[in-house]
Amino acid sequence: MNAKTYVLLFVGLMAFASCSKKADNDSKEMAEDQNEEKFDSTKIEDDTEFAVAAADGGMLEVKLGELAVANAASAEVKKFGQAMIDDHSKANSELKALAEQKQITIPTTLSDKCQKTYDELSAKKGAEFDKAYAELMVKDHKDDVDAFKKEADKGNDPELKSWAANKVTTLEHHLMMAESTEKAVNK
């Protein structure tokens, strides 16, 4: 290993050690704390917060898509869930690569909030699941579209701005799909 690798490994271990002393091991909070230490005085602190939130939300979309494929009664919900798995897995991989390039720490597991959402939805099956999932996907994608547009318009990091801008159309399409799915399961 070269010196840079040792330094990065050491910094990562120190950050992990300092974060693991917290009573709460929320991966999102740990990533935010590490980024604050690295980027606190820079103009991209808001960009790092966006990246952390996007990673957390992207992981949730994939996990909930997997639940939809397994637990839904409606073929339309299953199809939508598979689209979430496919599209968000791709976006998550792109964001991970961009974050690594920028030395931005992103969460590797769901935040406590996202885990709670996942747990609540995983307790549902069939038509009850379909309605709850579709409703959540509409709300979630409205929030996503707003957050990604904000980053695309006001972000400071050019690559993160560009990545966010390139995802807006897909997220708007997901929102339309979610609204259509919600209408179908509420008939």
Protein backbone atom coordinates (compact mmCIF):
# COMPACT_ATOMS: atom_id res chain seq x y z
CA MET A 1 0.00 0.00 0.00
CA ASN A 2 1.16 3.52 -0.70
CA ALA A 3 1.28 6.34 1.84
CA LYS A 4 -1.97 7.88 0.61
CA THR A 5 -3.80 4.60 1.17
CA TYR A 6 -2.45 4.35 4.71
CA VAL A 7 -3.49 7.92 5.46
CA LEU A 8 -7.00 7.34 4.10
CA LEU A 9 -7.28 4.08 6.01
CA PHE A 10 -6.11 5.77 9.21
CA VAL A 11 -8.51 8.71 8.78
CA GLY A 12 -11.35 6.30 8.06
CA LEU A 13 -10.58 4.20 11.11
CA MET A 14 -10.30 7.28 13.33
CA ALA A 15 -13.59 8.63 12.02
CA PHE A 16 -15.21 5.25 12.55
CA ALA A 17 -13.81 4.99 16.08
CA SER A 18 -14.99 8.46 17.03
CA CYS A 19 -18.44 7.84 15.60
CA SER A 20 -18.83 4.42 17.13
CA LYS A 21 -18.46 5.95 20.58
CA LYS A 22 -21.87 7.54 20.11
CA ALA A 23 -24.79 5.75 21.69
CA ASP A 24 -26.49 5.92 18.33
CA ASN A 25 -24.91 4.30 15.27
CA ASP A 26 -27.08 5.94 12.62
CA SER A 27 -25.10 5.59 9.39
CA LYS A 28 -26.52 8.83 7.98
CA GLU A 29 -25.58 10.83 11.09
CA MET A 30 -22.10 9.30 11.10
CA ALA A 31 -21.61 10.29 7.45
CA GLU A 32 -22.84 13.83 8.15
CA ASP A 33 -20.46 14.17 11.11
CA GLN A 34 -17.49 12.98 9.06
CA ASN A 35 -18.35 15.38 6.24
CA GLU A 36 -18.70 18.30 8.65
CA GLU A 37 -15.16 17.63 9.87
CA LYS A 38 -13.83 17.49 6.30
CA PHE A 39 -15.88 20.22 4.62
CA ASP A 40 -17.12 22.51 7.40
CA SER A 41 -15.39 25.62 6.14
CA THR A 42 -16.04 25.02 2.47
CA LYS A 43 -18.86 26.00 0.16
CA ILE A 44 -19.81 22.39 -0.51
CA GLU A 45 -21.11 21.53 2.96
CA ASP A 46 -24.72 21.78 1.68
CA ASP A 47 -23.72 19.58 -1.25
CA THR A 48 -22.39 16.92 1.10
CA GLU A 49 -25.64 17.02 3.07
CA PHE A 50 -27.54 16.53 -0.18
CA ALA A 51 -25.31 13.58 -1.13
CA VAL A 52 -25.84 11.95 2.27
CA ALA A 53 -29.62 12.40 2.09
CA ALA A 54 -29.72 11.18 -1.53
CA ALA A 55 -27.73 8.07 -0.63
CA ASP A 56 -29.97 7.32 2.35
CA GLY A 57 -33.13 7.84 0.32
CA GLY A 58 -31.77 5.85 -2.61
CA MET A 59 -31.01 2.87 -0.41
CA LEU A 60 -34.53 3.07 1.03
CA GLU A 61 -36.05 3.15 -2.48
CA VAL A 62 -34.22 -0.07 -3.40
CA LYS A 63 -35.14 -1.85 -0.16
CA LEU A 64 -38.79 -0.80 -0.45
CA GLY A 65 -38.80 -1.87 -4.10
CA GLU A 66 -37.61 -5.30 -2.98
CA LEU A 67 -40.46 -5.38 -0.45
CA ALA A 68 -42.92 -4.42 -3.18
CA VAL A 69 -41.77 -7.26 -5.40
CA ALA A 70 -42.16 -9.69 -2.47
CA ASN A 71 -45.22 -8.36 -0.60
CA ALA A 72 -47.49 -6.63 -3.11
CA ALA A 73 -50.75 -8.10 -4.32
CA SER A 74 -50.96 -5.87 -7.39
CA ALA A 75 -48.91 -6.61 -10.49
CA GLU A 76 -48.68 -2.84 -11.05
CA VAL A 77 -47.12 -2.34 -7.59
CA LYS A 78 -44.67 -5.18 -8.22
CA LYS A 79 -43.71 -3.63 -11.57
CA PHE A 80 -43.23 -0.21 -9.96
CA GLY A 81 -41.15 -1.80 -7.19
CA GLN A 82 -38.89 -3.46 -9.76
CA ALA A 83 -38.44 -0.12 -11.55
CA MET A 84 -37.39 1.43 -8.22
CA ILE A 85 -34.84 -1.34 -7.69
CA ASP A 86 -33.40 -0.94 -11.19
CA ASP A 87 -33.31 2.86 -11.40
CA HIS A 88 -32.25 3.62 -7.84
CA SER A 89 -29.57 0.91 -7.80
CA LYS A 90 -28.01 2.55 -10.85
CA ALA A 91 -28.28 6.04 -9.33
CA ASN A 92 -26.88 4.77 -6.01
CA SER A 93 -23.84 3.33 -7.79
CA GLU A 94 -23.25 6.59 -9.63
CA LEU A 95 -23.56 8.61 -6.43
CA LYS A 96 -21.22 6.26 -4.58
CA ALA A 97 -18.56 6.67 -7.28
CA LEU A 98 -18.98 10.45 -7.30
CA ALA A 99 -18.81 10.60 -3.50
CA GLU A 100 -15.63 8.52 -3.47
CA GLN A 101 -14.09 10.83 -6.06
CA LYS A 102 -15.01 13.86 -3.94
CA GLN A 103 -14.04 12.15 -0.65
CA ILE A 104 -17.61 12.63 0.62
CA THR A 105 -18.72 10.07 3.18
CA ILE A 106 -22.16 8.64 2.46
CA PRO A 107 -24.12 6.19 4.59
CA THR A 108 -23.71 2.49 3.98
CA THR A 109 -26.84 1.40 5.82
CA LEU A 110 -30.27 2.93 6.25
CA SER A 111 -30.63 5.78 8.72
CA ASP A 112 -32.75 5.09 11.79
CA LYS A 113 -35.59 7.07 10.21
CA CYS A 114 -35.46 5.10 6.94
CA GLN A 115 -35.11 1.81 8.81
CA LYS A 116 -38.26 2.66 10.80
CA THR A 117 -40.12 3.38 7.55
CA TYR A 118 -38.90 0.08 6.10
CA ASP A 119 -39.90 -1.86 9.24
CA GLU A 120 -43.39 -0.34 9.28
CA LEU A 121 -43.98 -1.16 5.63
CA SER A 122 -42.49 -4.66 5.89
CA ALA A 123 -45.20 -5.57 8.40
CA LYS A 124 -47.86 -5.10 5.72
CA LYS A 125 -48.86 -7.57 3.00
CA GLY A 126 -51.17 -7.66 0.01
CA ALA A 127 -53.62 -4.81 -0.62
CA GLU A 128 -52.71 -3.10 2.66
CA PHE A 129 -49.07 -3.05 1.56
CA ASP A 130 -49.99 -1.83 -1.94
CA LYS A 131 -51.86 1.22 -0.63
CA ALA A 132 -49.24 2.15 1.96
CA TYR A 133 -46.34 1.69 -0.47
CA ALA A 134 -47.98 3.67 -3.28
CA GLU A 135 -48.87 6.54 -0.92
CA LEU A 136 -45.33 6.61 0.47
CA MET A 137 -43.80 6.58 -3.02
CA VAL A 138 -45.89 9.59 -4.08
CA LYS A 139 -44.85 11.60 -1.03
CA ASP A 140 -41.24 10.46 -1.23
CA HIS A 141 -40.85 11.29 -4.92
CA LYS A 142 -42.40 14.74 -4.47
CA ASP A 143 -39.74 15.40 -1.81
CA ASP A 144 -37.02 13.90 -4.04
CA VAL A 145 -37.94 16.05 -7.03
CA ASP A 146 -37.80 19.19 -4.85
CA ALA A 147 -34.46 18.25 -3.27
CA PHE A 148 -32.82 17.32 -6.57
CA LYS A 149 -34.08 20.50 -8.28
CA LYS A 150 -32.73 22.57 -5.40
CA GLU A 151 -29.30 20.91 -5.67
CA ALA A 152 -29.32 21.29 -9.46
CA ASP A 153 -30.12 25.01 -9.14
CA LYS A 154 -28.25 26.05 -6.01
CA GLY A 155 -25.53 23.49 -5.38
CA ASN A 156 -21.91 24.62 -5.28
CA ASP A 157 -20.17 21.48 -6.49
CA PRO A 158 -20.42 21.31 -10.31
CA GLU A 159 -20.40 17.50 -10.55
CA LEU A 160 -23.05 17.02 -7.84
CA LYS A 161 -25.18 19.76 -9.43
CA SER A 162 -24.91 18.02 -12.78
CA TRP A 163 -25.65 14.59 -11.33
CA ALA A 164 -28.74 15.94 -9.53
CA ALA A 165 -29.93 17.79 -12.64
CA ASN A 166 -29.61 14.60 -14.69
CA LYS A 167 -31.81 12.71 -12.21
CA VAL A 168 -34.72 15.19 -12.09
CA THR A 169 -36.45 13.87 -15.22
CA THR A 170 -36.24 10.28 -13.96
CA LEU A 171 -37.58 11.29 -10.54
CA GLU A 172 -40.46 13.20 -12.16
CA HIS A 173 -41.24 10.07 -14.17
CA HIS A 174 -41.13 8.01 -10.96
CA LEU A 175 -43.57 10.48 -9.38
CA MET A 176 -45.99 10.08 -12.30
CA MET A 177 -45.65 6.28 -12.05
CA ALA A 178 -46.25 6.43 -8.28
CA GLU A 179 -49.35 8.59 -8.72
CA SER A 180 -50.69 6.21 -11.36
CA THR A 181 -49.96 3.23 -9.12
CA GLU A 182 -51.65 4.94 -6.16
CA LYS A 183 -54.79 5.57 -8.25
CA ALA A 184 -54.85 1.96 -9.41
CA VAL A 185 -54.62 0.48 -5.90
CA ASN A 186 -57.20 2.90 -4.45
CA LYS A 187 -59.98 1.97 -6.93
